[in-house]
Amino acid sequence: MSLEIKNLVINVRVAGSSDEEKKESVESLRSEILDECREMISESIGNVRER
């Protein structure tokens, strides 16, 4: 099995009271999204291997 992700763009806009809070929120969301993507990819690979 081969999995290739060439381009993945996720735009996140965060409203906050300061630029520092916005940066922290964006980084937190980015990290969560990447973790979810990794988990879904791992599950997909596992499902293919089970077949």
N, C-alpha and C. Protein backbone atom coordinates (compact mmCIF):
# COMPACT_ATOMS: atom_id res chain seq x y z
N MET A 1 0.84 -1.18 0.00
CA MET A 1 0.00 0.00 0.00
C MET A 1 0.88 1.23 0.00
N SER A 2 0.42 2.23 -0.69
CA SER A 2 1.17 3.47 -0.77
C SER A 2 0.24 4.62 -0.42
N LEU A 3 0.72 5.53 0.37
CA LEU A 3 -0.05 6.71 0.73
C LEU A 3 0.83 7.92 0.52
N GLU A 4 0.35 8.82 -0.29
CA GLU A 4 1.13 10.03 -0.56
C GLU A 4 0.22 11.23 -0.41
N ILE A 5 0.60 12.12 0.47
CA ILE A 5 -0.12 13.37 0.64
C ILE A 5 0.81 14.46 0.13
N LYS A 6 0.43 15.04 -0.98
CA LYS A 6 1.29 16.04 -1.59
C LYS A 6 1.07 17.42 -0.99
N ASN A 7 -0.15 17.81 -0.88
CA ASN A 7 -0.46 19.14 -0.36
C ASN A 7 -1.62 19.06 0.60
N LEU A 8 -1.40 19.52 1.79
CA LEU A 8 -2.46 19.61 2.78
C LEU A 8 -2.38 21.01 3.37
N VAL A 9 -3.41 21.78 3.13
CA VAL A 9 -3.45 23.15 3.62
C VAL A 9 -4.63 23.28 4.56
N ILE A 10 -4.35 23.75 5.75
CA ILE A 10 -5.40 23.97 6.74
C ILE A 10 -5.28 25.42 7.20
N ASN A 11 -6.30 26.20 6.91
CA ASN A 11 -6.32 27.59 7.33
C ASN A 11 -7.15 27.71 8.60
N VAL A 12 -6.57 28.30 9.62
CA VAL A 12 -7.26 28.46 10.89
C VAL A 12 -7.23 29.93 11.26
N ARG A 13 -8.38 30.45 11.59
CA ARG A 13 -8.46 31.84 12.03
C ARG A 13 -8.95 31.82 13.48
N VAL A 14 -8.20 32.45 14.35
CA VAL A 14 -8.52 32.43 15.77
C VAL A 14 -8.71 33.86 16.25
N ALA A 15 -9.80 34.09 16.94
CA ALA A 15 -10.04 35.39 17.55
C ALA A 15 -9.57 35.33 18.99
N GLY A 16 -8.78 36.28 19.38
CA GLY A 16 -8.27 36.33 20.75
C GLY A 16 -8.00 37.75 21.15
N SER A 17 -7.65 37.93 22.40
CA SER A 17 -7.45 39.30 22.88
C SER A 17 -6.04 39.81 22.59
N SER A 18 -5.10 38.91 22.34
CA SER A 18 -3.75 39.36 22.03
C SER A 18 -3.13 38.47 20.96
N ASP A 19 -2.11 38.98 20.31
CA ASP A 19 -1.42 38.21 19.28
C ASP A 19 -0.81 36.94 19.85
N GLU A 20 -0.28 37.02 21.08
CA GLU A 20 0.34 35.85 21.70
C GLU A 20 -0.69 34.75 21.94
N GLU A 21 -1.88 35.14 22.42
CA GLU A 21 -2.95 34.16 22.64
C GLU A 21 -3.38 33.54 21.33
N LYS A 22 -3.46 34.34 20.27
CA LYS A 22 -3.84 33.83 18.96
C LYS A 22 -2.81 32.81 18.48
N LYS A 23 -1.54 33.12 18.63
CA LYS A 23 -0.48 32.20 18.19
C LYS A 23 -0.55 30.89 18.95
N GLU A 24 -0.76 30.98 20.26
CA GLU A 24 -0.85 29.76 21.08
C GLU A 24 -2.07 28.93 20.65
N SER A 25 -3.19 29.59 20.39
CA SER A 25 -4.40 28.87 19.98
C SER A 25 -4.19 28.20 18.63
N VAL A 26 -3.59 28.91 17.70
CA VAL A 26 -3.35 28.35 16.37
C VAL A 26 -2.42 27.15 16.47
N GLU A 27 -1.35 27.26 17.23
CA GLU A 27 -0.41 26.14 17.37
C GLU A 27 -1.09 24.94 18.03
N SER A 28 -1.92 25.19 19.01
CA SER A 28 -2.64 24.11 19.67
C SER A 28 -3.60 23.41 18.70
N LEU A 29 -4.34 24.20 17.93
CA LEU A 29 -5.25 23.62 16.95
C LEU A 29 -4.49 22.85 15.87
N ARG A 30 -3.38 23.41 15.41
CA ARG A 30 -2.58 22.76 14.39
C ARG A 30 -2.08 21.41 14.88
N SER A 31 -1.63 21.38 16.12
CA SER A 31 -1.13 20.15 16.71
C SER A 31 -2.25 19.10 16.82
N GLU A 32 -3.43 19.54 17.25
CA GLU A 32 -4.57 18.62 17.36
C GLU A 32 -4.95 18.05 16.00
N ILE A 33 -4.98 18.91 14.99
CA ILE A 33 -5.36 18.48 13.64
C ILE A 33 -4.35 17.48 13.11
N LEU A 34 -3.07 17.75 13.29
CA LEU A 34 -2.04 16.83 12.82
C LEU A 34 -2.12 15.49 13.55
N ASP A 35 -2.38 15.53 14.85
CA ASP A 35 -2.53 14.28 15.61
C ASP A 35 -3.71 13.46 15.09
N GLU A 36 -4.83 14.13 14.82
CA GLU A 36 -6.00 13.43 14.28
C GLU A 36 -5.70 12.84 12.91
N CYS A 37 -4.99 13.58 12.07
CA CYS A 37 -4.63 13.07 10.74
C CYS A 37 -3.74 11.83 10.86
N ARG A 38 -2.76 11.89 11.74
CA ARG A 38 -1.87 10.74 11.94
C ARG A 38 -2.65 9.53 12.41
N GLU A 39 -3.60 9.75 13.32
CA GLU A 39 -4.40 8.65 13.84
C GLU A 39 -5.26 8.03 12.74
N MET A 40 -5.88 8.87 11.92
CA MET A 40 -6.71 8.35 10.82
C MET A 40 -5.87 7.59 9.80
N ILE A 41 -4.68 8.08 9.51
CA ILE A 41 -3.80 7.38 8.57
C ILE A 41 -3.39 6.04 9.14
N SER A 42 -3.03 6.00 10.41
CA SER A 42 -2.64 4.74 11.05
C SER A 42 -3.80 3.74 11.03
N GLU A 43 -5.00 4.21 11.32
CA GLU A 43 -6.17 3.33 11.29
C GLU A 43 -6.41 2.80 9.88
N SER A 44 -6.27 3.65 8.89
CA SER A 44 -6.47 3.22 7.50
C SER A 44 -5.45 2.17 7.11
N ILE A 45 -4.20 2.38 7.48
CA ILE A 45 -3.15 1.40 7.17
C ILE A 45 -3.44 0.09 7.88
N GLY A 46 -3.88 0.16 9.13
CA GLY A 46 -4.23 -1.05 9.87
C GLY A 46 -5.38 -1.79 9.22
N ASN A 47 -6.38 -1.06 8.75
CA ASN A 47 -7.53 -1.70 8.09
C ASN A 47 -7.11 -2.39 6.80
N VAL A 48 -6.23 -1.76 6.05
CA VAL A 48 -5.76 -2.36 4.80
C VAL A 48 -4.96 -3.62 5.09
N ARG A 49 -4.15 -3.61 6.11
CA ARG A 49 -3.33 -4.78 6.47
C ARG A 49 -4.19 -5.95 6.92
N GLU A 50 -5.33 -5.64 7.55
CA GLU A 50 -6.23 -6.70 8.01
C GLU A 50 -6.93 -7.40 6.85
N ARG A 51 -7.05 -6.75 5.73
CA ARG A 51 -7.76 -7.33 4.58
C ARG A 51 -6.98 -8.42 3.92
